Amino acid sequence: MKTPLAWLQLTHERMRLLTAMAGISFANILMFMQFGFRDALFESSVVLHQQVEGDIFLISPESTALIAMDTFSQRRLYQTLAIEGVESIHPMYLDFALWKNPETKATRGIMVIGINPAHNILNLPGVAENLAQVKRSDVVLFDAASRPEFGPVAELFAQNGTVETEAAGRRLSVGGLFEMGSSFGADGNLITSDVNFRRIFPERDRGSIEIGVIQTEPSANVEAVIQAIDAKLPQDVLVFSREDFINFEKNYWQTSTSIGFVFTLGAAMGFIVGVVIVYQILYTDVADHLPEYATLKAMGYTDGYLLTVVFQEALILALIGYAPGLGIASGLYVLTRQATSLPMAMTLTKALTVWILTLVMCAGSGAIAVRKLSAADPADIF
């Protein structure tokens, strides 16, 4: 068996090895967290889009994202009923109101979603079984996955069967709970009827909506229906398929805000930190063992063999540094999800991405460090 030279060199200085493990793990954790926050941003921003039961969506051209929706005339939505393939239409109302914490009385902005309770178009846990409650005046459903700053609404509802508070200065009752989760744009959510929505926002134009949801007939070609709607309606509305509607939202957060760039830059910084740490470890190791490398050269070992030893060390560092980083990051994902209600989750894609970056990071550092081997000249020793 060949002598495991790379492993013996790394384990010879135990403290240096532990320092390398800690440094690589830190770089991995930093990359994992940045990728996690970035993905949570995109996933949380499209939860509503994904759970609305519709095939085609109408919005105003002035709308930029779910948190900045402009209104358009609901007549445009009714006009689509004349198009072949359209089965049903459903207006959706969106706006933000100041919610009063029922315990502390502090206020915080919350998203209010208004729909016709006779037709449930939201495939969210808790909506179907509680939607009938919002047919009553000034009754709303509260998102139990909202941030805790809105108050212990879920706990109070479990104890008393209802919660009395205010939103937009109007007295409201919580008639049920559902789960959607907070996002970077909305910390909490309410669902109510279209009638109650207009009561909460009496200053709004009664004929204006934020989203028009269209359900097509089972046998209809969705793309053909979209083209027909686009040709029939004026240019004061945008017509989206479900996929385009989701991409429209993601594109806003990725290109029109600095958030996506910041998280990507954070991951890049973690990568650079890892490169510097691994390079310092490998360079120091090579420098400390130059006489040994020179001796090996004098014995007939080639430069290729010595380069292989250094790259083996880099691979070992990648392996032993990645495992604890993955474990710690997974735990931090759980803590972050519990603290913020953001959909932070360790996925296979994310784990593979960081693993590949770790390999590149360590291999690149090794490639830089091996330049020191050119100084291992047997003539300097013998």
Protein backbone atom coordinates (compact mmCIF):
# COMPACT_ATOMS: atom_id res chain seq x y z
CA MET A 1 0.00 0.00 0.00
CA LYS A 2 1.18 3.51 -0.77
CA THR A 3 1.96 5.78 2.15
CA PRO A 4 -0.97 8.22 2.69
CA LEU A 5 1.39 11.16 2.59
CA ALA A 6 -1.28 13.83 2.18
CA TRP A 7 -3.25 12.63 5.21
CA LEU A 8 -0.12 12.23 7.35
CA GLN A 9 1.00 15.76 6.57
CA LEU A 10 -2.39 17.24 7.45
CA THR A 11 -2.71 15.30 10.71
CA HIS A 12 0.87 16.00 11.79
CA GLU A 13 -0.17 19.48 12.94
CA ARG A 14 -3.53 18.80 14.63
CA MET A 15 -4.21 22.41 15.58
CA ARG A 16 -3.56 23.58 12.03
CA LEU A 17 -5.94 20.92 10.74
CA LEU A 18 -8.67 21.99 13.18
CA THR A 19 -8.15 25.61 12.15
CA ALA A 20 -8.52 24.62 8.50
CA MET A 21 -11.72 22.67 9.25
CA ALA A 22 -13.17 25.62 11.13
CA GLY A 23 -12.26 28.04 8.36
CA ILE A 24 -13.72 25.92 5.56
CA SER A 25 -16.85 25.19 7.62
CA PHE A 26 -17.29 28.92 8.24
CA ALA A 27 -17.00 29.65 4.52
CA ASN A 28 -19.53 26.90 3.78
CA ILE A 29 -21.95 28.17 6.41
CA LEU A 30 -21.68 31.68 4.99
CA MET A 31 -22.45 30.42 1.48
CA PHE A 32 -25.28 28.20 2.72
CA MET A 33 -26.94 31.05 4.61
CA GLN A 34 -26.66 33.51 1.74
CA PHE A 35 -28.08 31.00 -0.75
CA GLY A 36 -30.76 30.08 1.80
CA PHE A 37 -31.86 33.67 2.31
CA ARG A 38 -31.86 34.30 -1.43
CA ASP A 39 -33.97 31.23 -2.17
CA ALA A 40 -36.29 32.02 0.75
CA LEU A 41 -36.78 35.47 -0.72
CA PHE A 42 -37.89 34.06 -4.06
CA GLU A 43 -39.98 31.22 -2.61
CA SER A 44 -41.80 33.38 -0.05
CA SER A 45 -42.56 36.03 -2.67
CA VAL A 46 -44.51 33.59 -4.87
CA VAL A 47 -46.39 31.47 -2.31
CA LEU A 48 -49.65 33.26 -3.13
CA HIS A 49 -49.01 32.98 -6.88
CA GLN A 50 -48.46 29.24 -6.56
CA GLN A 51 -51.52 28.62 -4.42
CA VAL A 52 -54.08 30.60 -6.42
CA GLU A 53 -56.21 28.15 -8.40
CA GLY A 54 -56.17 29.82 -11.78
CA ASP A 55 -54.72 29.33 -15.25
CA ILE A 56 -54.52 32.92 -16.50
CA PHE A 57 -53.93 36.14 -14.57
CA LEU A 58 -54.65 39.78 -15.40
CA ILE A 59 -52.82 42.66 -13.74
CA SER A 60 -52.24 46.33 -14.41
CA PRO A 61 -49.16 47.31 -16.48
CA GLU A 62 -48.30 49.69 -13.62
CA SER A 63 -47.94 46.81 -11.16
CA THR A 64 -44.38 45.85 -10.29
CA ALA A 65 -44.78 43.16 -7.61
CA LEU A 66 -47.27 41.77 -5.13
CA ILE A 67 -46.34 44.48 -2.64
CA ALA A 68 -46.84 47.22 -5.25
CA MET A 69 -49.93 46.28 -7.22
CA ASP A 70 -51.83 48.91 -9.16
CA THR A 71 -55.54 48.51 -9.88
CA PHE A 72 -57.39 48.07 -13.15
CA SER A 73 -61.05 48.00 -14.07
CA GLN A 74 -62.73 44.68 -13.32
CA ARG A 75 -64.69 45.16 -16.56
CA ARG A 76 -61.62 43.81 -18.33
CA LEU A 77 -61.97 40.60 -16.35
CA TYR A 78 -65.67 40.27 -17.23
CA GLN A 79 -64.88 40.85 -20.90
CA THR A 80 -62.85 37.64 -20.97
CA LEU A 81 -66.05 35.61 -20.40
CA ALA A 82 -66.86 36.15 -24.07
CA ILE A 83 -63.69 34.32 -25.12
CA GLU A 84 -63.88 30.65 -25.97
CA GLY A 85 -62.16 28.44 -23.42
CA VAL A 86 -62.77 30.68 -20.39
CA GLU A 87 -64.73 28.78 -17.76
CA SER A 88 -64.88 31.19 -14.80
CA ILE A 89 -63.39 34.45 -13.52
CA HIS A 90 -62.54 35.57 -10.00
CA PRO A 91 -61.49 39.07 -8.92
CA MET A 92 -58.83 39.35 -6.21
CA TYR A 93 -58.17 42.43 -4.09
CA LEU A 94 -54.86 43.24 -2.39
CA ASP A 95 -53.85 46.08 -0.11
CA PHE A 96 -51.96 46.83 3.10
CA ALA A 97 -53.51 47.94 6.36
CA LEU A 98 -52.15 48.76 9.82
CA TRP A 99 -52.92 45.82 12.11
CA LYS A 100 -53.20 46.50 15.84
CA ASN A 101 -51.56 43.93 18.08
CA PRO A 102 -54.44 42.76 20.36
CA GLU A 103 -52.11 42.67 23.38
CA THR A 104 -49.60 45.51 23.01
CA LYS A 105 -51.77 47.73 20.74
CA ALA A 106 -48.71 48.35 18.55
CA THR A 107 -49.45 48.65 14.82
CA ARG A 108 -47.75 46.95 11.90
CA GLY A 109 -48.50 46.72 8.18
CA ILE A 110 -50.28 43.56 7.10
CA MET A 111 -51.39 42.38 3.67
CA VAL A 112 -55.15 42.01 3.21
CA ILE A 113 -56.45 39.66 0.51
CA GLY A 114 -60.06 39.91 -0.59
CA ILE A 115 -61.88 37.20 -2.55
CA ASN A 116 -65.45 36.08 -3.16
CA PRO A 117 -66.09 33.52 -0.37
CA ALA A 118 -68.58 31.67 -2.57
CA HIS A 119 -65.66 30.46 -4.72
CA ASN A 120 -62.49 29.47 -2.92
CA ILE A 121 -59.52 30.02 -5.22
CA LEU A 122 -56.81 29.81 -2.54
CA ASN A 123 -55.28 26.41 -1.97
CA LEU A 124 -53.83 27.30 1.44
CA PRO A 125 -54.08 25.24 4.64
CA GLY A 126 -57.05 26.38 6.69
CA VAL A 127 -58.78 28.47 4.03
CA ALA A 128 -61.36 25.98 2.73
CA GLU A 129 -62.67 25.02 6.19
CA ASN A 130 -62.82 28.60 7.48
CA LEU A 131 -63.76 30.66 4.41
CA ALA A 132 -67.47 30.64 5.27
CA GLN A 133 -66.63 32.71 8.37
CA VAL A 134 -65.69 35.75 6.31
CA LYS A 135 -69.23 35.99 4.94
CA ARG A 136 -70.04 37.69 8.24
CA SER A 137 -69.43 41.41 8.56
CA ASP A 138 -65.93 42.48 9.59
CA VAL A 139 -64.59 38.94 9.98
CA VAL A 140 -61.16 37.96 8.67
CA LEU A 141 -58.91 34.91 8.60
CA PHE A 142 -55.47 35.42 10.13
CA ASP A 143 -52.25 33.88 8.84
CA ALA A 144 -50.95 31.80 11.75
CA ALA A 145 -47.49 31.81 10.13
CA SER A 146 -47.24 35.61 10.34
CA ARG A 147 -44.44 37.22 12.31
CA PRO A 148 -44.91 37.32 16.11
CA GLU A 149 -45.01 41.13 16.13
CA PHE A 150 -48.69 40.92 15.17
CA GLY A 151 -49.41 39.35 18.54
CA PRO A 152 -50.26 35.84 19.80
CA VAL A 153 -53.34 35.70 17.59
CA ALA A 154 -53.22 31.94 17.04
CA GLU A 155 -52.91 31.27 20.78
CA LEU A 156 -55.70 33.70 21.67
CA PHE A 157 -57.95 32.22 19.00
CA ALA A 158 -57.32 28.70 20.30
CA GLN A 159 -58.29 29.85 23.81
CA ASN A 160 -61.28 32.06 23.05
CA GLY A 161 -62.50 30.99 19.60
CA THR A 162 -62.17 34.55 18.32
CA VAL A 163 -59.88 37.58 18.53
CA GLU A 164 -61.04 41.18 18.48
CA THR A 165 -58.72 43.89 17.18
CA GLU A 166 -58.43 46.61 14.53
CA ALA A 167 -57.03 46.96 11.02
CA ALA A 168 -56.96 50.27 9.16
CA GLY A 169 -58.86 51.75 12.10
CA ARG A 170 -61.79 49.36 11.69
CA ARG A 171 -62.89 46.88 14.33
CA LEU A 172 -62.41 43.31 13.10
CA SER A 173 -62.90 39.78 14.39
CA VAL A 174 -60.65 36.84 13.58
CA GLY A 175 -62.96 34.00 12.56
CA GLY A 176 -60.32 31.42 11.65
CA LEU A 177 -56.68 30.70 10.91
CA PHE A 178 -54.81 29.72 7.77
CA GLU A 179 -51.13 29.35 6.88
CA MET A 180 -49.25 31.14 4.14
CA GLY A 181 -46.16 32.58 5.82
CA SER A 182 -44.38 35.90 5.81
CA SER A 183 -42.15 37.14 3.03
CA PHE A 184 -39.65 39.93 2.49
CA GLY A 185 -42.54 42.08 1.30
CA ALA A 186 -45.29 41.18 3.78
CA ASP A 187 -44.76 40.18 7.41
CA GLY A 188 -48.30 38.88 7.79
CA ASN A 189 -51.52 38.23 5.87
CA LEU A 190 -55.29 38.40 6.24
CA ILE A 191 -57.99 36.87 4.03
CA THR A 192 -61.51 38.21 3.96
CA SER A 193 -64.49 38.57 1.65
CA ASP A 194 -64.63 41.11 -1.13
CA VAL A 195 -67.41 42.90 0.78
CA ASN A 196 -65.40 43.11 3.99
CA PHE A 197 -62.35 44.20 1.98
CA ARG A 198 -64.26 47.22 0.71
CA ARG A 199 -65.35 47.99 4.28
CA ILE A 200 -61.72 48.00 5.42
CA PHE A 201 -60.70 50.22 2.48
CA PRO A 202 -63.78 52.39 1.85
CA GLU A 203 -61.82 54.96 -0.15
CA ARG A 204 -61.05 52.51 -2.94
CA ASP A 205 -62.87 52.51 -6.27
CA ARG A 206 -65.44 49.71 -6.06
CA GLY A 207 -64.87 48.70 -9.66
CA SER A 208 -61.09 48.28 -9.41
CA ILE A 209 -59.16 45.10 -8.63
CA GLU A 210 -55.50 44.10 -8.34
CA ILE A 211 -55.56 40.60 -9.88
CA GLY A 212 -57.99 38.95 -12.24
CA VAL A 213 -57.96 35.16 -11.95
CA ILE A 214 -59.23 33.16 -14.92
CA GLN A 215 -59.94 29.44 -14.90
CA THR A 216 -60.08 27.80 -18.30
CA GLU A 217 -62.13 24.82 -19.44
CA PRO A 218 -60.37 21.46 -18.98
CA SER A 219 -60.13 20.90 -22.73
CA ALA A 220 -58.96 24.42 -23.53
CA ASN A 221 -55.49 25.29 -24.81
CA VAL A 222 -54.27 27.80 -22.22
CA GLU A 223 -51.77 29.46 -24.56
CA ALA A 224 -54.42 29.90 -27.24
CA VAL A 225 -56.80 31.44 -24.70
CA ILE A 226 -54.07 33.81 -23.53
CA GLN A 227 -53.45 34.94 -27.11
CA ALA A 228 -57.18 35.48 -27.65
CA ILE A 229 -57.51 37.53 -24.44
CA ASP A 230 -54.42 39.57 -25.30
CA ALA A 231 -55.83 40.32 -28.76
CA LYS A 232 -59.27 41.27 -27.45
CA LEU A 233 -58.42 43.43 -24.45
CA PRO A 234 -56.87 46.91 -24.64
CA GLN A 235 -53.28 47.46 -23.57
CA ASP A 236 -54.31 48.61 -20.09
CA VAL A 237 -53.89 45.07 -18.70
CA LEU A 238 -51.16 42.43 -18.81
CA VAL A 239 -52.10 38.81 -19.48
CA PHE A 240 -49.98 36.12 -17.81
CA SER A 241 -49.93 32.37 -17.61
CA ARG A 242 -49.26 30.94 -14.14
CA GLU A 243 -45.58 30.43 -14.92
CA ASP A 244 -45.20 33.94 -16.33
CA PHE A 245 -47.01 35.39 -13.32
CA ILE A 246 -44.55 33.66 -10.96
CA ASN A 247 -41.55 34.72 -13.04
CA PHE A 248 -42.85 38.30 -13.10
CA GLU A 249 -42.69 38.40 -9.29
CA LYS A 250 -39.30 36.71 -9.05
CA ASN A 251 -37.84 39.01 -11.68
CA TYR A 252 -38.82 42.04 -9.61
CA TRP A 253 -36.95 40.84 -6.53
CA GLN A 254 -33.97 39.67 -8.56
CA THR A 255 -33.45 42.68 -10.81
CA SER A 256 -35.39 45.63 -9.42
CA THR A 257 -34.16 45.42 -5.84
CA SER A 258 -30.72 45.13 -4.31
CA ILE A 259 -31.69 42.17 -2.12
CA GLY A 260 -30.92 39.42 -4.62
CA PHE A 261 -27.57 41.04 -5.47
CA VAL A 262 -26.64 41.42 -1.81
CA PHE A 263 -27.21 37.74 -1.03
CA THR A 264 -25.31 36.62 -4.14
CA LEU A 265 -22.44 38.93 -3.20
CA GLY A 266 -22.47 37.49 0.32
CA ALA A 267 -22.08 33.98 -1.07
CA ALA A 268 -19.20 35.16 -3.28
CA MET A 269 -17.49 36.69 -0.24
CA GLY A 270 -17.84 33.39 1.61
CA PHE A 271 -16.18 31.66 -1.33
CA ILE A 272 -13.30 34.14 -1.33
CA VAL A 273 -12.84 33.75 2.42
CA GLY A 274 -12.61 29.99 1.95
CA VAL A 275 -10.02 30.35 -0.82
CA VAL A 276 -7.83 32.55 1.38
CA ILE A 277 -8.08 30.20 4.37
CA VAL A 278 -7.31 27.03 2.41
CA TYR A 279 -4.48 28.74 0.53
CA GLN A 280 -2.85 29.85 3.76
CA ILE A 281 -3.09 26.35 5.22
CA LEU A 282 -1.68 24.61 2.14
CA TYR A 283 1.00 27.23 1.50
CA THR A 284 2.22 27.03 5.08
CA ASP A 285 2.20 23.23 4.93
CA VAL A 286 4.24 23.19 1.74
CA ALA A 287 6.68 25.80 3.07
CA ASP A 288 7.21 23.87 6.31
CA HIS A 289 7.95 20.65 4.44
CA LEU A 290 10.14 21.98 1.62
CA PRO A 291 13.15 19.94 2.80
CA GLU A 292 11.04 16.79 2.78
CA TYR A 293 9.73 17.56 -0.71
CA ALA A 294 13.30 18.19 -1.88
CA THR A 295 14.35 14.84 -0.42
CA LEU A 296 11.54 13.12 -2.30
CA LYS A 297 12.71 14.78 -5.51
CA ALA A 298 16.26 13.55 -4.84
CA MET A 299 14.85 10.04 -4.37
CA GLY A 300 13.28 10.18 -7.82
CA TYR A 301 9.73 11.32 -7.15
CA THR A 302 8.44 13.57 -9.91
CA ASP A 303 6.91 17.02 -9.63
CA GLY A 304 3.64 15.47 -10.77
CA TYR A 305 3.58 13.19 -7.75
CA LEU A 306 4.25 16.09 -5.38
CA LEU A 307 1.52 18.13 -7.01
CA THR A 308 -0.84 15.20 -6.54
CA VAL A 309 -0.05 15.15 -2.82
CA VAL A 310 -0.98 18.82 -2.44
CA PHE A 311 -4.21 18.36 -4.37
CA GLN A 312 -5.05 15.34 -2.23
CA GLU A 313 -4.63 17.55 0.83
CA ALA A 314 -6.99 20.09 -0.74
CA LEU A 315 -9.59 17.37 -1.38
CA ILE A 316 -9.31 16.07 2.18
CA LEU A 317 -9.77 19.58 3.54
CA ALA A 318 -12.86 19.99 1.35
CA LEU A 319 -14.36 16.77 2.71
CA ILE A 320 -13.69 17.34 6.40
CA GLY A 321 -14.68 21.01 6.23
CA TYR A 322 -17.88 20.52 4.24
CA ALA A 323 -19.57 17.98 6.53
CA PRO A 324 -19.74 20.13 9.70
CA GLY A 325 -20.65 23.17 7.61
CA LEU A 326 -23.59 21.29 6.11
CA GLY A 327 -24.77 20.12 9.52
CA ILE A 328 -24.52 23.52 11.21
CA ALA A 329 -26.17 25.29 8.26
CA SER A 330 -29.09 22.82 8.36
CA GLY A 331 -29.61 23.64 12.02
CA LEU A 332 -29.44 27.37 11.34
CA TYR A 333 -32.04 26.93 8.59
CA VAL A 334 -34.44 25.43 11.13
CA LEU A 335 -33.79 28.23 13.65
CA THR A 336 -34.25 30.90 10.97
CA ARG A 337 -37.49 29.31 9.73
CA GLN A 338 -38.89 29.21 13.26
CA ALA A 339 -37.82 32.79 14.02
CA THR A 340 -38.88 34.46 10.76
CA SER A 341 -41.44 32.10 9.15
CA LEU A 342 -39.39 32.27 5.96
CA PRO A 343 -39.27 29.05 3.89
CA MET A 344 -35.63 28.24 4.67
CA ALA A 345 -34.94 24.62 3.76
CA MET A 346 -31.85 22.58 2.91
CA THR A 347 -32.32 21.13 -0.55
CA LEU A 348 -30.23 18.70 -2.57
CA THR A 349 -29.58 21.39 -5.17
CA LYS A 350 -28.29 23.79 -2.54
CA ALA A 351 -26.12 21.13 -0.90
CA LEU A 352 -24.60 20.10 -4.25
CA THR A 353 -24.00 23.71 -5.25
CA VAL A 354 -22.04 24.50 -2.10
CA TRP A 355 -20.18 21.17 -2.34
CA ILE A 356 -19.05 21.95 -5.89
CA LEU A 357 -18.01 25.46 -4.82
CA THR A 358 -16.07 23.92 -1.92
CA LEU A 359 -14.22 21.60 -4.29
CA VAL A 360 -13.42 24.50 -6.63
CA MET A 361 -12.39 26.62 -3.65
CA CYS A 362 -9.98 24.00 -2.29
CA ALA A 363 -8.65 22.93 -5.70
CA GLY A 364 -8.05 26.55 -6.69
CA SER A 365 -6.23 27.22 -3.44
CA GLY A 366 -4.12 24.10 -3.99
CA ALA A 367 -3.25 25.21 -7.52
CA ILE A 368 -1.91 28.49 -6.14
CA ALA A 369 -0.07 26.85 -3.24
CA VAL A 370 1.82 24.31 -5.40
CA ARG A 371 3.85 27.09 -6.95
CA LYS A 372 5.92 26.96 -3.78
CA LEU A 373 7.05 23.45 -4.74
CA SER A 374 9.28 24.90 -7.45
CA ALA A 375 11.51 26.05 -4.60
CA ALA A 376 12.05 22.47 -3.42
CA ASP A 377 15.51 22.02 -4.96
CA PRO A 378 17.53 18.99 -3.81
CA ALA A 379 20.75 20.94 -4.47
CA ASP A 380 19.87 23.27 -1.59
CA ILE A 381 19.89 20.33 0.82
CA PHE A 382 22.62 18.01 -0.41
